[in-house]
Amino acid sequence: TAVQADKELEQGIQLPIIMYHGILKDTKRQGKYVISPELLESDMKYLKENGYTPVFMQDVIDYVKNGTPLPEKPIILSFDDGYYNNYAYAFPLAQQYDMKLVIAPIIAKTEEYSRANEENANYGHITWDNMKEMVDSGYVEITYNLHASNQQQVGIKKRKGESESDYQARITQDIQTAQNSITENIGTAPTTFVYPFGAFSDTTESYIRSMGFQATFVCESRTNILTQNPECLYGLGRYLRTNETDSAAFFQNILKQ
């Protein structure tokens, strides 16, 4: 209704984003970053029963920039790192429950496992074929995740002693190469950038924006408020889904409406 639309414009729309990682059946491997397929299914059932509709980031961007309506209770189910088990377990559940997923693969790993033609739910990452199949299904959207952690750097942070121009050139080149690979293999380039480990430097965001990314994810636990101001799309918070609580307890804690 017009009244509802006016209220949304005034107060903004609440958008919780859930951050999943691995999905594995082996209970010994479950923990902070790995949950069981059963728990993921339980999450989807809970959301469906409580009127939540998982959306893509493209839906969110279209709402903010063009006023394209969102469903009444939008939520994003994001999966970091692009493990093969997302394809093996989360993708079939998305189809079964008619829910959209947003996956942020590590492109270097996708290339490595595509070359090896290796598919293993316990440790592998999705291949280009897996990614294309999921995107073509209409149930999966790909975001961009530059993931590197070693002694020299954490995620996309500036390295110690690195000049600003070298830093800009390094991350721009890395991201552009990966964006080109993604476009080549699945037909579109991601609009959203996921900060690995939630880590970045003071100037990072301006470089990310200049490369055409319209939204960014961080790792802070908070619900986002969407308005018609494109600034609201940067630094979107997410809630980490661990295996510690059942669906009702987890969602009731964060969906305090």
C-alpha atoms as a PDB file:
ATOM      1  CA  THR A   1       0.000   0.000   0.000  1.00  0.00           C
ATOM      2  CA  ALA A   2       0.984   3.648  -0.374  1.00  0.00           C
ATOM      3  CA  VAL A   3       0.941   4.073   3.413  1.00  0.00           C
ATOM      4  CA  GLN A   4       3.288   1.103   3.826  1.00  0.00           C
ATOM      5  CA  ALA A   5       5.593   2.467   1.106  1.00  0.00           C
ATOM      6  CA  ASP A   6       5.729   5.868   2.854  1.00  0.00           C
ATOM      7  CA  LYS A   7       6.506   4.175   6.170  1.00  0.00           C
ATOM      8  CA  GLU A   8       9.316   2.173   4.553  1.00  0.00           C
ATOM      9  CA  LEU A   9      10.838   5.301   3.050  1.00  0.00           C
ATOM     10  CA  GLU A  10      10.729   7.046   6.408  1.00  0.00           C
ATOM     11  CA  GLN A  11      11.983   4.229   8.641  1.00  0.00           C
ATOM     12  CA  GLY A  12      13.850   2.012   6.158  1.00  0.00           C
ATOM     13  CA  ILE A  13      13.497  -1.739   5.673  1.00  0.00           C
ATOM     14  CA  GLN A  14      15.256  -4.141   8.045  1.00  0.00           C
ATOM     15  CA  LEU A  15      17.605  -6.539   6.272  1.00  0.00           C
ATOM     16  CA  PRO A  16      19.292  -9.255   8.349  1.00  0.00           C
ATOM     17  CA  ILE A  17      22.132 -11.098   6.567  1.00  0.00           C
ATOM     18  CA  ILE A  18      23.132 -14.557   7.798  1.00  0.00           C
ATOM     19  CA  MET A  19      26.741 -15.682   7.268  1.00  0.00           C
ATOM     20  CA  TYR A  20      27.188 -19.419   6.695  1.00  0.00           C
ATOM     21  CA  HIS A  21      30.398 -21.222   5.764  1.00  0.00           C
ATOM     22  CA  GLY A  22      30.734 -25.015   5.571  1.00  0.00           C
ATOM     23  CA  ILE A  23      27.871 -27.547   5.611  1.00  0.00           C
ATOM     24  CA  LEU A  24      29.003 -31.054   6.628  1.00  0.00           C
ATOM     25  CA  LYS A  25      27.372 -34.256   7.900  1.00  0.00           C
ATOM     26  CA  ASP A  26      30.364 -35.325  10.020  1.00  0.00           C
ATOM     27  CA  THR A  27      29.572 -34.120  13.564  1.00  0.00           C
ATOM     28  CA  LYS A  28      33.278 -34.099  14.480  1.00  0.00           C
ATOM     29  CA  ARG A  29      33.880 -31.400  11.891  1.00  0.00           C
ATOM     30  CA  GLN A  30      30.979 -29.156  12.912  1.00  0.00           C
ATOM     31  CA  GLY A  31      31.679 -26.049  14.975  1.00  0.00           C
ATOM     32  CA  LYS A  32      31.949 -22.291  14.676  1.00  0.00           C
ATOM     33  CA  TYR A  33      32.221 -22.337  10.868  1.00  0.00           C
ATOM     34  CA  VAL A  34      30.562 -25.645   9.983  1.00  0.00           C
ATOM     35  CA  ILE A  35      26.926 -26.684  10.529  1.00  0.00           C
ATOM     36  CA  SER A  36      24.991 -29.808   9.551  1.00  0.00           C
ATOM     37  CA  PRO A  37      22.730 -29.998   6.467  1.00  0.00           C
ATOM     38  CA  GLU A  38      19.881 -30.728   8.923  1.00  0.00           C
ATOM     39  CA  LEU A  39      20.455 -27.447  10.773  1.00  0.00           C
ATOM     40  CA  LEU A  40      20.483 -25.511   7.498  1.00  0.00           C
ATOM     41  CA  GLU A  41      17.219 -27.198   6.504  1.00  0.00           C
ATOM     42  CA  SER A  42      15.776 -26.349   9.901  1.00  0.00           C
ATOM     43  CA  ASP A  43      16.801 -22.680   9.374  1.00  0.00           C
ATOM     44  CA  MET A  44      15.009 -22.613   6.019  1.00  0.00           C
ATOM     45  CA  LYS A  45      11.863 -24.173   7.522  1.00  0.00           C
ATOM     46  CA  TYR A  46      11.903 -21.608  10.335  1.00  0.00           C
ATOM     47  CA  LEU A  47      12.234 -18.691   7.911  1.00  0.00           C
ATOM     48  CA  LYS A  48       9.450 -20.019   5.690  1.00  0.00           C
ATOM     49  CA  GLU A  49       7.106 -20.569   8.647  1.00  0.00           C
ATOM     50  CA  ASN A  50       7.810 -17.050   9.916  1.00  0.00           C
ATOM     51  CA  GLY A  51       7.251 -15.279   6.603  1.00  0.00           C
ATOM     52  CA  TYR A  52      10.845 -14.430   5.661  1.00  0.00           C
ATOM     53  CA  THR A  53      11.906 -14.400   2.010  1.00  0.00           C
ATOM     54  CA  PRO A  54      15.600 -14.806   1.098  1.00  0.00           C
ATOM     55  CA  VAL A  55      16.592 -12.326  -1.622  1.00  0.00           C
ATOM     56  CA  PHE A  56      19.635 -11.638  -3.817  1.00  0.00           C
ATOM     57  CA  MET A  57      21.848  -8.583  -3.403  1.00  0.00           C
ATOM     58  CA  GLN A  58      20.630  -7.536  -6.859  1.00  0.00           C
ATOM     59  CA  ASP A  59      17.092  -7.355  -5.402  1.00  0.00           C
ATOM     60  CA  VAL A  60      18.399  -5.172  -2.563  1.00  0.00           C
ATOM     61  CA  ILE A  61      20.347  -2.905  -4.929  1.00  0.00           C
ATOM     62  CA  ASP A  62      17.263  -2.563  -7.162  1.00  0.00           C
ATOM     63  CA  TYR A  63      15.173  -1.526  -4.143  1.00  0.00           C
ATOM     64  CA  VAL A  64      17.693   1.080  -2.960  1.00  0.00           C
ATOM     65  CA  LYS A  65      18.485   2.530  -6.398  1.00  0.00           C
ATOM     66  CA  ASN A  66      15.184   2.127  -8.281  1.00  0.00           C
ATOM     67  CA  GLY A  67      12.548   1.602  -5.601  1.00  0.00           C
ATOM     68  CA  THR A  68      11.797  -1.911  -6.920  1.00  0.00           C
ATOM     69  CA  PRO A  69       9.680  -3.505  -4.145  1.00  0.00           C
ATOM     70  CA  LEU A  70      11.165  -6.138  -1.852  1.00  0.00           C
ATOM     71  CA  PRO A  71       9.128  -8.902  -0.198  1.00  0.00           C
ATOM     72  CA  GLU A  72       7.680  -8.053   3.212  1.00  0.00           C
ATOM     73  CA  LYS A  73      10.424  -9.648   5.367  1.00  0.00           C
ATOM     74  CA  PRO A  74      13.603  -9.858   3.259  1.00  0.00           C
ATOM     75  CA  ILE A  75      16.672 -11.721   4.504  1.00  0.00           C
ATOM     76  CA  ILE A  76      19.964 -12.748   2.861  1.00  0.00           C
ATOM     77  CA  LEU A  77      21.490 -16.206   3.279  1.00  0.00           C
ATOM     78  CA  SER A  78      25.165 -15.695   2.446  1.00  0.00           C
ATOM     79  CA  PHE A  79      27.809 -18.435   2.193  1.00  0.00           C
ATOM     80  CA  ASP A  80      31.478 -17.468   2.475  1.00  0.00           C
ATOM     81  CA  ASP A  81      34.372 -19.142   0.636  1.00  0.00           C
ATOM     82  CA  GLY A  82      32.382 -21.283  -1.828  1.00  0.00           C
ATOM     83  CA  TYR A  83      32.988 -24.754  -0.424  1.00  0.00           C
ATOM     84  CA  TYR A  84      31.910 -27.709  -2.559  1.00  0.00           C
ATOM     85  CA  ASN A  85      29.580 -28.718   0.286  1.00  0.00           C
ATOM     86  CA  ASN A  86      27.513 -25.578  -0.454  1.00  0.00           C
ATOM     87  CA  TYR A  87      26.803 -27.129  -3.854  1.00  0.00           C
ATOM     88  CA  ALA A  88      26.287 -30.623  -2.426  1.00  0.00           C
ATOM     89  CA  TYR A  89      23.965 -29.679   0.458  1.00  0.00           C
ATOM     90  CA  ALA A  90      22.823 -26.024   0.419  1.00  0.00           C
ATOM     91  CA  PHE A  91      21.925 -25.823  -3.284  1.00  0.00           C
ATOM     92  CA  PRO A  92      19.466 -28.780  -3.250  1.00  0.00           C
ATOM     93  CA  LEU A  93      17.827 -27.333  -0.107  1.00  0.00           C
ATOM     94  CA  ALA A  94      17.503 -23.929  -1.805  1.00  0.00           C
ATOM     95  CA  GLN A  95      15.641 -25.612  -4.661  1.00  0.00           C
ATOM     96  CA  GLN A  96      13.495 -27.679  -2.298  1.00  0.00           C
ATOM     97  CA  TYR A  97      12.444 -24.680  -0.166  1.00  0.00           C
ATOM     98  CA  ASP A  98      12.452 -22.167  -3.034  1.00  0.00           C
ATOM     99  CA  MET A  99      15.054 -19.922  -1.399  1.00  0.00           C
ATOM    100  CA  LYS A 100      17.768 -17.741  -2.884  1.00  0.00           C
ATOM    101  CA  LEU A 101      21.386 -18.113  -1.717  1.00  0.00           C
ATOM    102  CA  VAL A 102      24.270 -15.671  -2.070  1.00  0.00           C
ATOM    103  CA  ILE A 103      27.672 -17.385  -2.376  1.00  0.00           C
ATOM    104  CA  ALA A 104      31.064 -15.649  -2.095  1.00  0.00           C
ATOM    105  CA  PRO A 105      33.604 -18.080  -3.581  1.00  0.00           C
ATOM    106  CA  ILE A 106      37.386 -17.806  -3.336  1.00  0.00           C
ATOM    107  CA  ILE A 107      38.162 -17.617  -7.052  1.00  0.00           C
ATOM    108  CA  ALA A 108      41.732 -18.968  -6.729  1.00  0.00           C
ATOM    109  CA  LYS A 109      40.252 -22.090  -5.089  1.00  0.00           C
ATOM    110  CA  THR A 110      37.530 -22.393  -7.748  1.00  0.00           C
ATOM    111  CA  GLU A 111      40.219 -22.308 -10.438  1.00  0.00           C
ATOM    112  CA  GLU A 112      42.364 -24.837  -8.572  1.00  0.00           C
ATOM    113  CA  TYR A 113      39.512 -27.364  -8.121  1.00  0.00           C
ATOM    114  CA  SER A 114      38.202 -26.788 -11.657  1.00  0.00           C
ATOM    115  CA  ARG A 115      41.648 -27.602 -13.066  1.00  0.00           C
ATOM    116  CA  ALA A 116      41.927 -30.706 -10.867  1.00  0.00           C
ATOM    117  CA  ASN A 117      38.329 -31.642 -11.739  1.00  0.00           C
ATOM    118  CA  GLU A 118      37.998 -32.696  -8.108  1.00  0.00           C
ATOM    119  CA  GLU A 119      34.728 -32.675  -6.152  1.00  0.00           C
ATOM    120  CA  ASN A 120      34.917 -33.404  -2.432  1.00  0.00           C
ATOM    121  CA  ALA A 121      32.380 -32.208   0.142  1.00  0.00           C
ATOM    122  CA  ASN A 122      34.855 -32.469   3.034  1.00  0.00           C
ATOM    123  CA  TYR A 123      37.498 -30.087   1.777  1.00  0.00           C
ATOM    124  CA  GLY A 124      36.866 -29.058  -1.840  1.00  0.00           C
ATOM    125  CA  HIS A 125      35.594 -25.803  -3.354  1.00  0.00           C
ATOM    126  CA  ILE A 126      32.971 -25.275  -6.060  1.00  0.00           C
ATOM    127  CA  THR A 127      34.166 -25.523  -9.645  1.00  0.00           C
ATOM    128  CA  TRP A 128      33.168 -23.204 -12.501  1.00  0.00           C
ATOM    129  CA  ASP A 129      30.693 -25.857 -13.692  1.00  0.00           C
ATOM    130  CA  ASN A 130      29.091 -26.028 -10.234  1.00  0.00           C
ATOM    131  CA  MET A 131      28.903 -22.231 -10.102  1.00  0.00           C
ATOM    132  CA  LYS A 132      27.353 -21.898 -13.536  1.00  0.00           C
ATOM    133  CA  GLU A 133      24.768 -24.590 -12.808  1.00  0.00           C
ATOM    134  CA  MET A 134      23.744 -22.844  -9.573  1.00  0.00           C
ATOM    135  CA  VAL A 135      23.544 -19.383 -11.133  1.00  0.00           C
ATOM    136  CA  ASP A 136      21.613 -20.655 -14.157  1.00  0.00           C
ATOM    137  CA  SER A 137      19.089 -22.298 -11.803  1.00  0.00           C
ATOM    138  CA  GLY A 138      18.008 -18.861 -10.545  1.00  0.00           C
ATOM    139  CA  TYR A 139      18.596 -19.887  -6.911  1.00  0.00           C
ATOM    140  CA  VAL A 140      22.172 -18.674  -6.464  1.00  0.00           C
ATOM    141  CA  GLU A 141      23.877 -15.301  -6.823  1.00  0.00           C
ATOM    142  CA  ILE A 142      27.676 -14.947  -6.765  1.00  0.00           C
ATOM    143  CA  THR A 143      29.378 -12.153  -4.816  1.00  0.00           C
ATOM    144  CA  TYR A 144      33.117 -11.412  -4.796  1.00  0.00           C
ATOM    145  CA  ASN A 145      35.523 -12.574  -2.082  1.00  0.00           C
ATOM    146  CA  LEU A 146      39.256 -11.786  -2.264  1.00  0.00           C
ATOM    147  CA  HIS A 147      40.690 -14.168   0.301  1.00  0.00           C
ATOM    148  CA  ALA A 148      44.311 -14.218   1.302  1.00  0.00           C
ATOM    149  CA  SER A 149      45.739 -14.706   4.752  1.00  0.00           C
ATOM    150  CA  ASN A 150      49.420 -15.175   5.288  1.00  0.00           C
ATOM    151  CA  GLN A 151      52.231 -13.459   7.141  1.00  0.00           C
ATOM    152  CA  GLN A 152      52.257 -10.610   4.673  1.00  0.00           C
ATOM    153  CA  GLN A 153      48.609  -9.654   4.835  1.00  0.00           C
ATOM    154  CA  VAL A 154      45.168 -10.323   6.241  1.00  0.00           C
ATOM    155  CA  GLY A 155      42.457 -10.349   3.601  1.00  0.00           C
ATOM    156  CA  ILE A 156      42.518  -7.151   1.612  1.00  0.00           C
ATOM    157  CA  LYS A 157      44.437  -5.064   4.145  1.00  0.00           C
ATOM    158  CA  LYS A 158      47.436  -3.041   3.091  1.00  0.00           C
ATOM    159  CA  ARG A 159      50.722  -4.857   3.626  1.00  0.00           C
ATOM    160  CA  LYS A 160      53.293  -3.535   6.039  1.00  0.00           C
ATOM    161  CA  GLY A 161      55.515  -1.015   4.260  1.00  0.00           C
ATOM    162  CA  GLU A 162      53.429  -1.090   1.074  1.00  0.00           C
ATOM    163  CA  SER A 163      52.976   2.277  -0.686  1.00  0.00           C
ATOM    164  CA  GLU A 164      49.438   3.516  -1.358  1.00  0.00           C
ATOM    165  CA  SER A 165      49.914   3.340  -5.139  1.00  0.00           C
ATOM    166  CA  ASP A 166      51.307  -0.211  -4.947  1.00  0.00           C
ATOM    167  CA  TYR A 167      48.426  -1.216  -2.697  1.00  0.00           C
ATOM    168  CA  GLN A 168      45.843   0.239  -5.072  1.00  0.00           C
ATOM    169  CA  ALA A 169      47.489  -1.412  -8.099  1.00  0.00           C
ATOM    170  CA  ARG A 170      47.732  -4.788  -6.353  1.00  0.00           C
ATOM    171  CA  ILE A 171      44.142  -5.064  -5.194  1.00  0.00           C
ATOM    172  CA  THR A 172      42.728  -3.528  -8.375  1.00  0.00           C
ATOM    173  CA  GLN A 173      44.626  -6.001 -10.536  1.00  0.00           C
ATOM    174  CA  ASP A 174      43.677  -8.996  -8.356  1.00  0.00           C
ATOM    175  CA  ILE A 175      40.004  -8.071  -8.323  1.00  0.00           C
ATOM    176  CA  GLN A 176      39.808  -7.214 -12.028  1.00  0.00           C
ATOM    177  CA  THR A 177      41.424 -10.521 -12.992  1.00  0.00           C
ATOM    178  CA  ALA A 178      38.925 -12.438 -10.882  1.00  0.00           C
ATOM    179  CA  GLN A 179      35.943 -10.383 -12.083  1.00  0.00           C
ATOM    180  CA  ASN A 180      36.968 -11.159 -15.676  1.00  0.00           C
ATOM    181  CA  SER A 181      37.192 -14.900 -14.862  1.00  0.00           C
ATOM    182  CA  ILE A 182      33.757 -14.869 -13.220  1.00  0.00           C
ATOM    183  CA  THR A 183      32.184 -13.025 -16.162  1.00  0.00           C
ATOM    184  CA  GLU A 184      33.837 -15.417 -18.611  1.00  0.00           C
ATOM    185  CA  ASN A 185      32.596 -18.497 -16.758  1.00  0.00           C
ATOM    186  CA  ILE A 186      29.121 -17.546 -15.536  1.00  0.00           C
ATOM    187  CA  GLY A 187      28.163 -14.619 -17.748  1.00  0.00           C
ATOM    188  CA  THR A 188      27.906 -11.801 -15.183  1.00  0.00           C
ATOM    189  CA  ALA A 189      30.229  -9.986 -12.791  1.00  0.00           C
ATOM    190  CA  PRO A 190      29.384  -9.690  -9.073  1.00  0.00           C
ATOM    191  CA  THR A 191      27.973  -6.371  -7.822  1.00  0.00           C
ATOM    192  CA  THR A 192      28.799  -7.027  -4.163  1.00  0.00           C
ATOM    193  CA  PHE A 193      32.214  -7.309  -2.490  1.00  0.00           C
ATOM    194  CA  VAL A 194      32.668  -9.455   0.629  1.00  0.00           C
ATOM    195  CA  TYR A 195      35.576  -8.363   2.840  1.00  0.00           C
ATOM    196  CA  PRO A 196      37.558 -11.468   3.830  1.00  0.00           C
ATOM    197  CA  PHE A 197      37.779 -11.655   7.638  1.00  0.00           C
ATOM    198  CA  GLY A 198      35.938  -8.324   7.613  1.00  0.00           C
ATOM    199  CA  ALA A 199      39.413  -6.737   7.333  1.00  0.00           C
ATOM    200  CA  PHE A 200      40.283  -3.699   5.238  1.00  0.00           C
ATOM    201  CA  SER A 201      42.332  -0.488   5.306  1.00  0.00           C
ATOM    202  CA  ASP A 202      41.220   3.160   5.331  1.00  0.00           C
ATOM    203  CA  THR A 203      41.358   3.612   1.564  1.00  0.00           C
ATOM    204  CA  THR A 204      40.083   0.163   0.537  1.00  0.00           C
ATOM    205  CA  GLU A 205      36.425   1.093   0.181  1.00  0.00           C
ATOM    206  CA  SER A 206      37.108   3.930  -2.276  1.00  0.00           C
ATOM    207  CA  TYR A 207      39.033   1.535  -4.556  1.00  0.00           C
ATOM    208  CA  ILE A 208      36.265  -1.081  -4.313  1.00  0.00           C
ATOM    209  CA  ARG A 209      33.660   1.542  -5.246  1.00  0.00           C
ATOM    210  CA  SER A 210      35.727   2.855  -8.147  1.00  0.00           C
ATOM    211  CA  MET A 211      35.749  -0.675  -9.594  1.00  0.00           C
ATOM    212  CA  GLY A 212      31.969  -0.620  -9.795  1.00  0.00           C
ATOM    213  CA  PHE A 213      30.978  -2.611  -6.710  1.00  0.00           C
ATOM    214  CA  GLN A 214      27.617  -1.316  -5.504  1.00  0.00           C
ATOM    215  CA  ALA A 215      27.613  -2.979  -2.069  1.00  0.00           C
ATOM    216  CA  THR A 216      30.002  -4.480   0.507  1.00  0.00           C
ATOM    217  CA  PHE A 217      29.648  -7.067   3.308  1.00  0.00           C
ATOM    218  CA  VAL A 218      31.594  -6.932   6.579  1.00  0.00           C
ATOM    219  CA  CYS A 219      31.636  -9.338   9.544  1.00  0.00           C
ATOM    220  CA  GLU A 220      29.975  -7.163  12.204  1.00  0.00           C
ATOM    221  CA  SER A 221      26.832  -8.625  13.792  1.00  0.00           C
ATOM    222  CA  ARG A 222      23.999  -6.195  13.120  1.00  0.00           C
ATOM    223  CA  THR A 223      20.773  -5.874  11.164  1.00  0.00           C
ATOM    224  CA  ASN A 224      20.954  -3.442   8.263  1.00  0.00           C
ATOM    225  CA  ILE A 225      18.472  -0.676   7.499  1.00  0.00           C
ATOM    226  CA  LEU A 226      17.777  -0.132   3.800  1.00  0.00           C
ATOM    227  CA  THR A 227      16.774   3.326   2.582  1.00  0.00           C
ATOM    228  CA  GLN A 228      16.832   4.961  -0.863  1.00  0.00           C
ATOM    229  CA  ASN A 229      20.321   6.255  -0.100  1.00  0.00           C
ATOM    230  CA  PRO A 230      22.951   4.077  -1.899  1.00  0.00           C
ATOM    231  CA  GLU A 231      25.350   4.655   1.023  1.00  0.00           C
ATOM    232  CA  CYS A 232      23.284   2.170   3.056  1.00  0.00           C
ATOM    233  CA  LEU A 233      24.607  -0.631   0.791  1.00  0.00           C
ATOM    234  CA  TYR A 234      28.211  -0.298   1.985  1.00  0.00           C
ATOM    235  CA  GLY A 235      29.465  -2.035   5.128  1.00  0.00           C
ATOM    236  CA  LEU A 236      26.474  -4.362   5.490  1.00  0.00           C
ATOM    237  CA  GLY A 237      26.638  -6.354   8.739  1.00  0.00           C
ATOM    238  CA  ARG A 238      26.100 -10.123   8.998  1.00  0.00           C
ATOM    239  CA  TYR A 239      25.312 -12.641  11.719  1.00  0.00           C
ATOM    240  CA  LEU A 240      27.655 -15.648  11.875  1.00  0.00           C
ATOM    241  CA  ARG A 241      25.711 -18.942  11.952  1.00  0.00           C
ATOM    242  CA  THR A 242      27.496 -21.437  14.208  1.00  0.00           C
ATOM    243  CA  ASN A 243      26.254 -24.872  15.241  1.00  0.00           C
ATOM    244  CA  GLU A 244      25.650 -23.767  18.828  1.00  0.00           C
ATOM    245  CA  THR A 245      21.905 -23.062  18.798  1.00  0.00           C
ATOM    246  CA  ASP A 246      18.776 -24.395  17.148  1.00  0.00           C
ATOM    247  CA  SER A 247      16.971 -22.366  14.492  1.00  0.00           C
ATOM    248  CA  ALA A 248      14.336 -20.838  16.766  1.00  0.00           C
ATOM    249  CA  ALA A 249      16.879 -19.622  19.354  1.00  0.00           C
ATOM    250  CA  PHE A 250      19.248 -18.278  16.693  1.00  0.00           C
ATOM    251  CA  PHE A 251      16.652 -16.366  14.691  1.00  0.00           C
ATOM    252  CA  GLN A 252      14.611 -15.111  17.642  1.00  0.00           C
ATOM    253  CA  ASN A 253      17.776 -13.531  18.985  1.00  0.00           C
ATOM    254  CA  ILE A 254      18.478 -11.560  15.806  1.00  0.00           C
ATOM    255  CA  LEU A 255      14.993 -11.011  14.339  1.00  0.00           C
ATOM    256  CA  LYS A 256      13.674  -8.974  17.268  1.00  0.00           C
ATOM    257  CA  GLN A 257      10.922  -7.176  15.388  1.00  0.00           C
END
